[in-house]
C-alpha atoms as a PDB file:
ATOM      1  CA  UNK A   1      15.847 256.051 135.936  1.00  0.00           C
ATOM      2  CA  UNK A   2      13.897 253.908 138.243  1.00  0.00           C
ATOM      3  CA  UNK A   3      11.118 255.538 140.363  1.00  0.00           C
ATOM      4  CA  UNK A   4      12.668 254.558 143.562  1.00  0.00           C
ATOM      5  CA  UNK A   5      15.923 256.040 142.636  1.00  0.00           C
ATOM      6  CA  UNK A   6      14.157 259.263 141.772  1.00  0.00           C
ATOM      7  CA  UNK A   7      12.430 259.113 145.281  1.00  0.00           C
ATOM      8  CA  UNK A   8      15.676 258.547 146.992  1.00  0.00           C
ATOM      9  CA  UNK A   9      17.212 261.637 145.222  1.00  0.00           C
ATOM     10  CA  UNK A  10      14.184 263.910 145.948  1.00  0.00           C
ATOM     11  CA  UNK A  11      14.147 262.806 149.593  1.00  0.00           C
ATOM     12  CA  UNK A  12      18.010 263.744 149.839  1.00  0.00           C
ATOM     13  CA  UNK A  13      17.195 267.199 148.241  1.00  0.00           C
ATOM     14  CA  UNK A  14      14.194 267.674 150.673  1.00  0.00           C
ATOM     15  CA  UNK A  15      16.383 266.699 153.512  1.00  0.00           C
ATOM     16  CA  UNK A  16      19.072 269.115 152.725  1.00  0.00           C
ATOM     17  CA  UNK A  17      16.889 272.042 151.688  1.00  0.00           C
ATOM     18  CA  UNK A  18      14.637 271.845 154.706  1.00  0.00           C
ATOM     19  CA  UNK A  19      17.418 270.950 157.109  1.00  0.00           C
ATOM     20  CA  UNK A  20      15.622 267.700 158.293  1.00  0.00           C
ATOM     21  CA  UNK A  21      18.009 264.774 158.120  1.00  0.00           C
ATOM     22  CA  UNK A  22      15.540 262.223 159.132  1.00  0.00           C
ATOM     23  CA  UNK A  23      12.779 263.357 156.803  1.00  0.00           C
ATOM     24  CA  UNK A  24      10.842 260.200 154.992  1.00  0.00           C
ATOM     25  CA  UNK A  25       8.825 260.895 151.871  1.00  0.00           C
ATOM     26  CA  UNK A  26       6.266 258.637 150.281  1.00  0.00           C
ATOM     27  CA  UNK A  27       4.164 259.096 147.262  1.00  0.00           C
ATOM     28  CA  UNK A  28       1.347 260.291 149.334  1.00  0.00           C
ATOM     29  CA  UNK A  29       3.306 262.901 151.239  1.00  0.00           C
ATOM     30  CA  UNK A  30       2.112 266.669 150.820  1.00  0.00           C
ATOM     31  CA  UNK A  31       3.500 269.938 151.918  1.00  0.00           C
ATOM     32  CA  UNK A  32       0.920 269.816 154.803  1.00  0.00           C
ATOM     33  CA  UNK A  33       2.830 266.591 156.079  1.00  0.00           C
ATOM     34  CA  UNK A  34       6.289 268.263 156.075  1.00  0.00           C
ATOM     35  CA  UNK A  35       7.312 270.986 158.590  1.00  0.00           C
ATOM     36  CA  UNK A  36       9.092 273.841 156.894  1.00  0.00           C
ATOM     37  CA  UNK A  37       7.552 273.054 153.222  1.00  0.00           C
ATOM     38  CA  UNK A  38       5.928 276.380 152.577  1.00  0.00           C
ATOM     39  CA  UNK A  39       5.574 278.494 149.464  1.00  0.00           C
ATOM     40  CA  UNK A  40       9.106 279.853 149.722  1.00  0.00           C
ATOM     41  CA  UNK A  41      10.838 276.529 150.379  1.00  0.00           C
ATOM     42  CA  UNK A  42       8.777 275.108 147.456  1.00  0.00           C
ATOM     43  CA  UNK A  43      10.545 277.396 145.133  1.00  0.00           C
ATOM     44  CA  UNK A  44      13.839 276.259 146.596  1.00  0.00           C
ATOM     45  CA  UNK A  45      13.006 272.790 146.385  1.00  0.00           C
ATOM     46  CA  UNK A  46      11.897 272.924 142.734  1.00  0.00           C
ATOM     47  CA  UNK A  47      15.165 274.795 141.711  1.00  0.00           C
ATOM     48  CA  UNK A  48      17.353 272.153 143.619  1.00  0.00           C
ATOM     49  CA  UNK A  49      15.391 269.361 141.774  1.00  0.00           C
ATOM     50  CA  UNK A  50      15.770 271.038 138.356  1.00  0.00           C
ATOM     51  CA  UNK A  51      19.529 271.452 138.947  1.00  0.00           C
ATOM     52  CA  UNK A  52      19.922 267.808 140.417  1.00  0.00           C
ATOM     53  CA  UNK A  53      18.084 266.250 137.569  1.00  0.00           C
ATOM     54  CA  UNK A  54      19.138 268.506 134.941  1.00  0.00           C
ATOM     55  CA  UNK A  55      15.508 269.358 133.885  1.00  0.00           C
ATOM     56  CA  UNK A  56      13.196 272.306 133.800  1.00  0.00           C
ATOM     57  CA  UNK A  57       9.588 272.257 135.090  1.00  0.00           C
ATOM     58  CA  UNK A  58       6.937 274.267 133.456  1.00  0.00           C
ATOM     59  CA  UNK A  59       4.568 276.261 135.608  1.00  0.00           C
ATOM     60  CA  UNK A  60       1.599 274.189 134.802  1.00  0.00           C
ATOM     61  CA  UNK A  61       3.359 271.155 135.725  1.00  0.00           C
ATOM     62  CA  UNK A  62       4.443 272.429 139.125  1.00  0.00           C
ATOM     63  CA  UNK A  63       0.822 273.469 139.866  1.00  0.00           C
ATOM     64  CA  UNK A  64      -0.518 270.061 138.953  1.00  0.00           C
ATOM     65  CA  UNK A  65       1.459 268.319 141.879  1.00  0.00           C
ATOM     66  CA  UNK A  66      -0.773 267.284 144.534  1.00  0.00           C
ATOM     67  CA  UNK A  67       1.696 265.135 146.317  1.00  0.00           C
ATOM     68  CA  UNK A  68       5.391 263.737 145.910  1.00  0.00           C
ATOM     69  CA  UNK A  69       4.186 260.972 143.765  1.00  0.00           C
ATOM     70  CA  UNK A  70       2.995 263.405 141.303  1.00  0.00           C
ATOM     71  CA  UNK A  71       6.352 265.233 141.442  1.00  0.00           C
ATOM     72  CA  UNK A  72       8.164 262.069 140.903  1.00  0.00           C
ATOM     73  CA  UNK A  73       5.977 260.949 137.993  1.00  0.00           C
ATOM     74  CA  UNK A  74       6.848 264.320 136.425  1.00  0.00           C
ATOM     75  CA  UNK A  75      10.528 263.876 136.981  1.00  0.00           C
ATOM     76  CA  UNK A  76      10.354 260.407 135.603  1.00  0.00           C
ATOM     77  CA  UNK A  77       8.817 261.649 132.309  1.00  0.00           C
ATOM     78  CA  UNK A  78      11.675 264.078 131.868  1.00  0.00           C
ATOM     79  CA  UNK A  79      14.684 262.044 132.695  1.00  0.00           C
END
């Protein structure tokens, strides 16, 4: 799966889970940049991404993400 396709799907998940239809993500986007992306919503986002991509993240992988780019790299390795 192409990186840009992953970013688009991740962006759709974020928009739906955070109820922000105009949200735009980049590789450099962090939780501090997105209103409503807190520890609780992070868990919901991770679960939604696992379901959408048919993958499972390990705790150490999740903890290693500094930004959306790291998340996409992780997804790309698994799909």
